[in-house]
Amino acid sequence: ESGSASSGEFVLWVMVGTTLQKIHVTVPRTLYVDCSRKVEHVSKGDVQVKQVEKHLPHNKASGHLYEVSMPERVFRSTNWIEDHLKPLGGGPNDRRQKVVQSVYGMSSPLMLR
């Protein structure tokens, strides 16, 4: 079988009428990134980024909140923050400043989402 629960890839066996069907399902990793200032959010390839408004845990105020969805393999293998969230209107020195305040993810395993 391809994939495993830790890779976000699952194989489901579904009974349709009297036929057993094999279905491959991929569950993306979805995180919420709270930034201190507005960033250029780049959706490319398997990574989708969009600005959202959500309530954060412990009633924490959100500056600029972005929802980032990606396959588990991308999450584990690349530096997706630097590739997809870049400070707006800054020069090369602005990259050194802390833009990302917090990163939030669901505490449930991929299999239960």
N, C-alpha and C. Protein backbone atom coordinates (compact mmCIF):
# COMPACT_ATOMS: atom_id res chain seq x y z
N GLU A 1 0.84 -1.17 0.00
CA GLU A 1 0.00 0.00 0.00
C GLU A 1 0.89 1.24 0.00
N SER A 2 0.44 2.27 -0.67
CA SER A 2 1.22 3.51 -0.70
C SER A 2 0.88 4.37 0.49
N GLY A 3 1.91 5.03 1.04
CA GLY A 3 1.70 5.97 2.12
C GLY A 3 1.44 5.32 3.46
N SER A 4 1.32 6.17 4.45
CA SER A 4 1.00 5.71 5.80
C SER A 4 0.29 6.85 6.51
N ALA A 5 -0.22 6.58 7.69
CA ALA A 5 -0.92 7.61 8.44
C ALA A 5 -0.03 8.82 8.69
N SER A 6 1.26 8.59 8.92
CA SER A 6 2.16 9.70 9.20
C SER A 6 2.49 10.51 7.95
N SER A 7 2.24 9.98 6.76
CA SER A 7 2.51 10.73 5.53
C SER A 7 1.28 11.47 5.04
N GLY A 8 0.14 11.27 5.70
CA GLY A 8 -1.09 11.92 5.29
C GLY A 8 -1.79 11.23 4.14
N GLU A 9 -1.29 10.07 3.73
CA GLU A 9 -1.90 9.31 2.63
C GLU A 9 -2.56 8.05 3.20
N PHE A 10 -3.81 7.86 2.80
CA PHE A 10 -4.57 6.73 3.32
C PHE A 10 -5.20 5.95 2.18
N VAL A 11 -5.41 4.66 2.40
CA VAL A 11 -6.13 3.82 1.46
C VAL A 11 -7.42 3.40 2.14
N LEU A 12 -8.54 3.69 1.49
CA LEU A 12 -9.84 3.31 2.02
C LEU A 12 -10.44 2.24 1.14
N TRP A 13 -11.07 1.26 1.76
CA TRP A 13 -11.81 0.25 1.02
C TRP A 13 -13.28 0.54 1.27
N VAL A 14 -14.01 0.81 0.20
CA VAL A 14 -15.41 1.23 0.30
C VAL A 14 -16.29 0.27 -0.48
N MET A 15 -17.39 -0.15 0.17
CA MET A 15 -18.35 -1.02 -0.50
C MET A 15 -19.35 -0.14 -1.25
N VAL A 16 -19.38 -0.27 -2.57
CA VAL A 16 -20.33 0.46 -3.41
C VAL A 16 -21.23 -0.58 -4.05
N GLY A 17 -22.46 -0.68 -3.52
CA GLY A 17 -23.36 -1.74 -3.97
C GLY A 17 -22.80 -3.07 -3.53
N THR A 18 -22.41 -3.89 -4.50
CA THR A 18 -21.82 -5.20 -4.17
C THR A 18 -20.34 -5.25 -4.55
N THR A 19 -19.77 -4.08 -4.91
CA THR A 19 -18.37 -4.02 -5.33
C THR A 19 -17.51 -3.32 -4.28
N LEU A 20 -16.36 -3.90 -3.97
CA LEU A 20 -15.41 -3.29 -3.06
C LEU A 20 -14.45 -2.42 -3.87
N GLN A 21 -14.40 -1.13 -3.55
CA GLN A 21 -13.57 -0.17 -4.28
C GLN A 21 -12.41 0.32 -3.40
N LYS A 22 -11.24 0.46 -4.00
CA LYS A 22 -10.07 0.98 -3.30
C LYS A 22 -9.94 2.46 -3.66
N ILE A 23 -9.89 3.33 -2.62
CA ILE A 23 -9.80 4.77 -2.84
C ILE A 23 -8.59 5.31 -2.09
N HIS A 24 -7.78 6.11 -2.77
CA HIS A 24 -6.63 6.77 -2.15
C HIS A 24 -7.06 8.17 -1.72
N VAL A 25 -6.79 8.51 -0.46
CA VAL A 25 -7.15 9.82 0.09
C VAL A 25 -5.89 10.46 0.68
N THR A 26 -5.67 11.74 0.35
CA THR A 26 -4.55 12.48 0.93
C THR A 26 -5.11 13.59 1.80
N VAL A 27 -4.69 13.62 3.05
CA VAL A 27 -5.14 14.64 4.00
C VAL A 27 -4.01 15.67 4.14
N PRO A 28 -4.26 16.93 3.75
CA PRO A 28 -3.19 17.93 3.84
C PRO A 28 -2.93 18.37 5.28
N ARG A 29 -1.74 18.85 5.51
CA ARG A 29 -1.39 19.46 6.80
C ARG A 29 -1.84 20.92 6.71
N THR A 30 -2.67 21.37 7.64
CA THR A 30 -3.14 22.75 7.64
C THR A 30 -2.68 23.42 8.93
N LEU A 31 -1.98 24.53 8.76
CA LEU A 31 -1.45 25.30 9.89
C LEU A 31 -1.93 26.73 9.78
N TYR A 32 -1.93 27.42 10.91
CA TYR A 32 -2.27 28.84 10.94
C TYR A 32 -1.04 29.57 11.44
N VAL A 33 -0.57 30.55 10.65
CA VAL A 33 0.65 31.28 10.96
C VAL A 33 0.27 32.72 11.28
N ASP A 34 0.58 33.15 12.50
CA ASP A 34 0.30 34.51 12.95
C ASP A 34 1.56 35.35 12.74
N CYS A 35 1.44 36.40 11.95
CA CYS A 35 2.59 37.26 11.63
C CYS A 35 2.43 38.64 12.26
N SER A 36 3.55 39.27 12.59
CA SER A 36 3.52 40.59 13.21
C SER A 36 3.17 41.68 12.21
N ARG A 37 3.39 41.41 10.94
CA ARG A 37 3.02 42.38 9.90
C ARG A 37 2.60 41.63 8.65
N LYS A 38 2.04 42.38 7.73
CA LYS A 38 1.53 41.78 6.50
C LYS A 38 2.69 41.18 5.71
N VAL A 39 2.45 40.02 5.13
CA VAL A 39 3.48 39.37 4.33
C VAL A 39 2.93 39.08 2.94
N GLU A 40 3.85 38.91 2.01
CA GLU A 40 3.47 38.45 0.67
C GLU A 40 3.28 36.95 0.80
N HIS A 41 2.06 36.50 0.54
CA HIS A 41 1.81 35.06 0.65
C HIS A 41 1.74 34.47 -0.75
N VAL A 42 2.58 33.49 -0.96
CA VAL A 42 2.75 32.89 -2.28
C VAL A 42 2.23 31.46 -2.26
N SER A 43 1.16 31.23 -3.05
CA SER A 43 0.67 29.86 -3.23
C SER A 43 1.30 29.32 -4.50
N LYS A 44 2.09 28.28 -4.36
CA LYS A 44 2.68 27.66 -5.55
C LYS A 44 2.87 26.19 -5.30
N GLY A 45 2.75 25.43 -6.36
CA GLY A 45 2.87 23.99 -6.23
C GLY A 45 1.80 23.43 -5.34
N ASP A 46 2.20 22.60 -4.39
CA ASP A 46 1.27 21.93 -3.49
C ASP A 46 0.92 22.76 -2.26
N VAL A 47 1.52 23.94 -2.12
CA VAL A 47 1.31 24.76 -0.92
C VAL A 47 0.31 25.87 -1.23
N GLN A 48 -0.76 25.92 -0.45
CA GLN A 48 -1.80 26.94 -0.61
C GLN A 48 -1.76 27.86 0.61
N VAL A 49 -1.72 29.17 0.38
CA VAL A 49 -1.66 30.16 1.46
C VAL A 49 -2.77 31.17 1.24
N LYS A 50 -3.52 31.47 2.31
CA LYS A 50 -4.52 32.53 2.22
C LYS A 50 -4.65 33.22 3.56
N GLN A 51 -4.94 34.53 3.52
CA GLN A 51 -5.13 35.29 4.75
C GLN A 51 -6.54 35.00 5.27
N VAL A 52 -6.65 34.76 6.58
CA VAL A 52 -7.92 34.40 7.20
C VAL A 52 -8.12 35.18 8.49
N GLU A 53 -9.35 35.15 9.00
CA GLU A 53 -9.66 35.70 10.32
C GLU A 53 -10.23 34.56 11.16
N LYS A 54 -9.54 34.22 12.23
CA LYS A 54 -9.96 33.14 13.12
C LYS A 54 -9.72 33.58 14.56
N HIS A 55 -10.39 32.92 15.48
CA HIS A 55 -10.13 33.12 16.90
C HIS A 55 -8.97 32.22 17.29
N LEU A 56 -7.95 32.80 17.89
CA LEU A 56 -6.79 32.01 18.30
C LEU A 56 -6.99 31.48 19.72
N PRO A 57 -6.26 30.43 20.07
CA PRO A 57 -6.37 29.88 21.42
C PRO A 57 -6.05 30.93 22.49
N HIS A 58 -6.68 30.80 23.64
CA HIS A 58 -6.46 31.67 24.79
C HIS A 58 -6.77 33.14 24.49
N ASN A 59 -7.68 33.38 23.54
CA ASN A 59 -8.10 34.73 23.15
C ASN A 59 -6.93 35.62 22.74
N LYS A 60 -5.90 35.03 22.18
CA LYS A 60 -4.74 35.80 21.73
C LYS A 60 -5.13 36.62 20.51
N ALA A 61 -4.74 37.88 20.51
CA ALA A 61 -5.02 38.74 19.36
C ALA A 61 -4.13 38.34 18.19
N SER A 62 -4.69 38.39 17.01
CA SER A 62 -3.95 38.03 15.81
C SER A 62 -3.59 39.28 15.03
N GLY A 63 -2.33 39.39 14.65
CA GLY A 63 -1.91 40.50 13.80
C GLY A 63 -2.38 40.25 12.38
N HIS A 64 -1.71 39.39 11.70
CA HIS A 64 -2.04 38.97 10.34
C HIS A 64 -1.97 37.45 10.34
N LEU A 65 -3.11 36.81 10.15
CA LEU A 65 -3.20 35.35 10.25
C LEU A 65 -3.33 34.74 8.86
N TYR A 66 -2.53 33.72 8.59
CA TYR A 66 -2.53 33.04 7.30
C TYR A 66 -2.77 31.55 7.51
N GLU A 67 -3.62 30.98 6.66
CA GLU A 67 -3.86 29.54 6.65
C GLU A 67 -2.95 28.94 5.59
N VAL A 68 -2.15 27.96 5.97
CA VAL A 68 -1.21 27.33 5.06
C VAL A 68 -1.54 25.84 5.00
N SER A 69 -1.88 25.34 3.79
CA SER A 69 -2.17 23.91 3.60
C SER A 69 -1.15 23.32 2.65
N MET A 70 -0.65 22.14 3.01
CA MET A 70 0.37 21.48 2.20
C MET A 70 0.36 19.99 2.48
N PRO A 71 0.88 19.19 1.54
CA PRO A 71 1.02 17.76 1.81
C PRO A 71 2.01 17.54 2.96
N GLU A 72 1.83 16.48 3.68
CA GLU A 72 2.70 16.17 4.81
C GLU A 72 4.17 16.08 4.38
N ARG A 73 4.43 15.54 3.20
CA ARG A 73 5.82 15.40 2.74
C ARG A 73 6.48 16.76 2.57
N VAL A 74 5.73 17.79 2.13
CA VAL A 74 6.28 19.14 1.99
C VAL A 74 6.56 19.73 3.36
N PHE A 75 5.62 19.54 4.29
CA PHE A 75 5.78 20.05 5.65
C PHE A 75 7.05 19.49 6.29
N ARG A 76 7.31 18.22 6.08
CA ARG A 76 8.46 17.57 6.72
C ARG A 76 9.78 17.81 6.01
N SER A 77 9.74 18.19 4.73
CA SER A 77 10.99 18.22 3.96
C SER A 77 11.49 19.60 3.56
N THR A 78 10.69 20.65 3.69
CA THR A 78 11.15 21.94 3.21
C THR A 78 10.97 23.02 4.27
N ASN A 79 11.59 24.16 4.01
CA ASN A 79 11.41 25.33 4.86
C ASN A 79 10.29 26.16 4.25
N TRP A 80 9.06 25.72 4.44
CA TRP A 80 7.90 26.32 3.78
C TRP A 80 7.63 27.74 4.24
N ILE A 81 8.02 28.11 5.45
CA ILE A 81 7.78 29.49 5.90
C ILE A 81 8.57 30.47 5.05
N GLU A 82 9.86 30.24 4.88
CA GLU A 82 10.68 31.16 4.08
C GLU A 82 10.28 31.17 2.61
N ASP A 83 9.82 30.03 2.10
CA ASP A 83 9.45 29.95 0.69
C ASP A 83 8.12 30.60 0.38
N HIS A 84 7.20 30.64 1.34
CA HIS A 84 5.83 31.06 1.03
C HIS A 84 5.32 32.27 1.79
N LEU A 85 6.03 32.73 2.83
CA LEU A 85 5.62 33.92 3.58
C LEU A 85 6.79 34.89 3.65
N LYS A 86 6.73 35.96 2.85
CA LYS A 86 7.84 36.91 2.78
C LYS A 86 7.35 38.30 3.20
N PRO A 87 8.13 39.03 4.03
CA PRO A 87 7.72 40.37 4.45
C PRO A 87 7.49 41.29 3.26
N LEU A 88 6.45 42.09 3.33
CA LEU A 88 6.14 43.05 2.27
C LEU A 88 7.00 44.30 2.39
N GLY A 89 7.40 44.85 1.25
CA GLY A 89 8.07 46.15 1.20
C GLY A 89 9.38 46.23 1.94
N GLY A 90 10.08 45.16 2.06
CA GLY A 90 11.33 45.18 2.79
C GLY A 90 12.51 44.82 1.92
N GLY A 91 13.66 45.17 2.42
CA GLY A 91 14.90 44.80 1.75
C GLY A 91 15.44 43.50 2.30
N PRO A 92 16.67 43.17 1.92
CA PRO A 92 17.26 41.91 2.38
C PRO A 92 17.41 41.83 3.90
N ASN A 93 17.60 42.98 4.58
CA ASN A 93 17.76 42.97 6.04
C ASN A 93 16.45 42.64 6.75
N ASP A 94 15.31 42.89 6.12
CA ASP A 94 14.02 42.62 6.75
C ASP A 94 13.79 41.13 6.96
N ARG A 95 14.44 40.29 6.21
CA ARG A 95 14.27 38.84 6.38
C ARG A 95 14.77 38.39 7.75
N ARG A 96 15.72 39.13 8.31
CA ARG A 96 16.28 38.74 9.59
C ARG A 96 15.35 39.09 10.75
N GLN A 97 14.47 40.07 10.53
CA GLN A 97 13.54 40.45 11.58
C GLN A 97 12.49 39.36 11.76
N LYS A 98 12.05 39.20 12.99
CA LYS A 98 11.05 38.17 13.28
C LYS A 98 9.69 38.64 12.78
N VAL A 99 9.15 37.96 11.79
CA VAL A 99 7.84 38.28 11.24
C VAL A 99 6.81 37.29 11.78
N VAL A 100 7.18 36.02 11.86
CA VAL A 100 6.26 34.98 12.34
C VAL A 100 6.24 35.03 13.87
N GLN A 101 5.04 35.27 14.42
CA GLN A 101 4.86 35.32 15.87
C GLN A 101 4.57 33.93 16.43
N SER A 102 3.64 33.22 15.78
CA SER A 102 3.21 31.91 16.28
C SER A 102 2.75 31.04 15.12
N VAL A 103 2.82 29.73 15.32
CA VAL A 103 2.30 28.77 14.36
C VAL A 103 1.37 27.84 15.12
N TYR A 104 0.14 27.68 14.60
CA TYR A 104 -0.87 26.84 15.25
C TYR A 104 -1.26 25.70 14.33
N GLY A 105 -1.41 24.54 14.90
CA GLY A 105 -1.87 23.38 14.15
C GLY A 105 -2.89 22.63 14.98
N MET A 106 -3.61 21.75 14.31
CA MET A 106 -4.58 20.95 15.05
C MET A 106 -3.83 19.90 15.86
N SER A 107 -4.34 19.61 17.05
CA SER A 107 -3.66 18.64 17.89
C SER A 107 -4.13 17.21 17.59
N SER A 108 -5.06 17.07 16.63
CA SER A 108 -5.52 15.72 16.30
C SER A 108 -4.66 15.11 15.21
N PRO A 109 -4.45 13.80 15.24
CA PRO A 109 -3.66 13.15 14.22
C PRO A 109 -4.35 13.22 12.85
N LEU A 110 -3.56 13.10 11.79
CA LEU A 110 -4.10 13.17 10.43
C LEU A 110 -5.24 12.19 10.21
N MET A 111 -5.14 11.01 10.79
CA MET A 111 -6.13 9.97 10.57
C MET A 111 -7.52 10.39 11.08
N LEU A 112 -7.56 11.27 12.08
CA LEU A 112 -8.84 11.66 12.67
C LEU A 112 -9.44 12.93 12.06
N ARG A 113 -8.76 13.56 11.11
CA ARG A 113 -9.28 14.80 10.54
C ARG A 113 -10.29 14.54 9.47
